[in-house]
């Protein structure tokens, strides 16, 4: 199992990014569809990217 702290910190950063993105989109006066869709898409792509980079993978112990 991966470290809960690592997952918590990643989700905290993503939450801050999503709130910032929503505020930016609303301040630009974008349609409601885009305000709902773009943050979800960014969150999904960030999760896929983090998974592919091994952020949620448990590190293997070295045996000597």
C-alpha atoms as a PDB file:
ATOM      1  CA  UNK A   1       0.000   0.000   0.000  1.00  0.00           C
ATOM      2  CA  UNK A   2       1.265   3.450  -0.858  1.00  0.00           C
ATOM      3  CA  UNK A   3       1.875   6.122   1.768  1.00  0.00           C
ATOM      4  CA  UNK A   4      -1.344   7.845   2.806  1.00  0.00           C
ATOM      5  CA  UNK A   5       0.590  11.066   3.293  1.00  0.00           C
ATOM      6  CA  UNK A   6       1.731  11.049  -0.340  1.00  0.00           C
ATOM      7  CA  UNK A   7      -1.816  10.558  -1.602  1.00  0.00           C
ATOM      8  CA  UNK A   8      -3.154  13.220   0.791  1.00  0.00           C
ATOM      9  CA  UNK A   9      -0.579  15.783  -0.338  1.00  0.00           C
ATOM     10  CA  UNK A  10      -1.273  15.063  -4.020  1.00  0.00           C
ATOM     11  CA  UNK A  11      -5.007  15.438  -3.483  1.00  0.00           C
ATOM     12  CA  UNK A  12      -4.484  18.650  -1.501  1.00  0.00           C
ATOM     13  CA  UNK A  13      -2.430  20.149  -4.348  1.00  0.00           C
ATOM     14  CA  UNK A  14      -5.024  19.031  -6.888  1.00  0.00           C
ATOM     15  CA  UNK A  15      -7.836  20.542  -4.793  1.00  0.00           C
ATOM     16  CA  UNK A  16      -6.021  23.890  -4.696  1.00  0.00           C
ATOM     17  CA  UNK A  17      -5.450  23.721  -8.467  1.00  0.00           C
ATOM     18  CA  UNK A  18      -9.124  22.912  -9.111  1.00  0.00           C
ATOM     19  CA  UNK A  19     -10.359  25.783  -6.926  1.00  0.00           C
ATOM     20  CA  UNK A  20      -7.965  28.158  -8.672  1.00  0.00           C
ATOM     21  CA  UNK A  21      -9.047  26.921 -12.081  1.00  0.00           C
ATOM     22  CA  UNK A  22     -12.740  27.319 -11.234  1.00  0.00           C
ATOM     23  CA  UNK A  23     -12.163  30.852  -9.937  1.00  0.00           C
ATOM     24  CA  UNK A  24     -10.220  31.712 -13.090  1.00  0.00           C
ATOM     25  CA  UNK A  25     -12.901  30.325 -15.391  1.00  0.00           C
ATOM     26  CA  UNK A  26     -15.693  32.122 -13.520  1.00  0.00           C
ATOM     27  CA  UNK A  27     -13.778  35.415 -13.566  1.00  0.00           C
ATOM     28  CA  UNK A  28     -13.339  35.060 -17.333  1.00  0.00           C
ATOM     29  CA  UNK A  29     -17.096  34.622 -17.718  1.00  0.00           C
ATOM     30  CA  UNK A  30     -16.929  31.194 -19.309  1.00  0.00           C
ATOM     31  CA  UNK A  31     -20.143  29.206 -19.813  1.00  0.00           C
ATOM     32  CA  UNK A  32     -21.286  26.934 -16.986  1.00  0.00           C
ATOM     33  CA  UNK A  33     -20.608  23.814 -19.057  1.00  0.00           C
ATOM     34  CA  UNK A  34     -16.903  24.621 -19.247  1.00  0.00           C
ATOM     35  CA  UNK A  35     -16.699  25.559 -15.558  1.00  0.00           C
ATOM     36  CA  UNK A  36     -17.964  22.059 -14.729  1.00  0.00           C
ATOM     37  CA  UNK A  37     -16.119  20.115 -17.426  1.00  0.00           C
ATOM     38  CA  UNK A  38     -12.585  21.538 -17.543  1.00  0.00           C
ATOM     39  CA  UNK A  39     -11.692  21.008 -13.836  1.00  0.00           C
ATOM     40  CA  UNK A  40     -12.913  17.394 -13.968  1.00  0.00           C
ATOM     41  CA  UNK A  41     -10.908  16.731 -17.129  1.00  0.00           C
ATOM     42  CA  UNK A  42      -7.768  18.291 -15.633  1.00  0.00           C
ATOM     43  CA  UNK A  43      -8.217  16.224 -12.458  1.00  0.00           C
ATOM     44  CA  UNK A  44      -8.576  13.010 -14.465  1.00  0.00           C
ATOM     45  CA  UNK A  45      -5.529  13.728 -16.608  1.00  0.00           C
ATOM     46  CA  UNK A  46      -3.480  14.676 -13.537  1.00  0.00           C
ATOM     47  CA  UNK A  47      -4.444  11.410 -11.845  1.00  0.00           C
ATOM     48  CA  UNK A  48      -3.530   9.409 -14.931  1.00  0.00           C
ATOM     49  CA  UNK A  49      -0.226  11.263 -15.208  1.00  0.00           C
ATOM     50  CA  UNK A  50       0.586  10.736 -11.519  1.00  0.00           C
ATOM     51  CA  UNK A  51      -0.194   7.030 -11.833  1.00  0.00           C
ATOM     52  CA  UNK A  52       1.997   6.672 -14.906  1.00  0.00           C
ATOM     53  CA  UNK A  53       4.860   8.468 -13.146  1.00  0.00           C
ATOM     54  CA  UNK A  54       4.615   5.981 -10.282  1.00  0.00           C
ATOM     55  CA  UNK A  55       3.381   8.366  -7.603  1.00  0.00           C
ATOM     56  CA  UNK A  56       0.913   5.818  -6.270  1.00  0.00           C
ATOM     57  CA  UNK A  57       3.274   2.839  -6.572  1.00  0.00           C
ATOM     58  CA  UNK A  58       4.825   1.346  -3.486  1.00  0.00           C
ATOM     59  CA  UNK A  59       8.616   1.379  -3.645  1.00  0.00           C
ATOM     60  CA  UNK A  60      10.203  -2.069  -3.663  1.00  0.00           C
ATOM     61  CA  UNK A  61      12.503  -2.871  -0.781  1.00  0.00           C
ATOM     62  CA  UNK A  62      16.079  -3.655  -1.655  1.00  0.00           C
ATOM     63  CA  UNK A  63      17.277  -7.051  -0.527  1.00  0.00           C
ATOM     64  CA  UNK A  64      20.939  -7.582   0.085  1.00  0.00           C
END
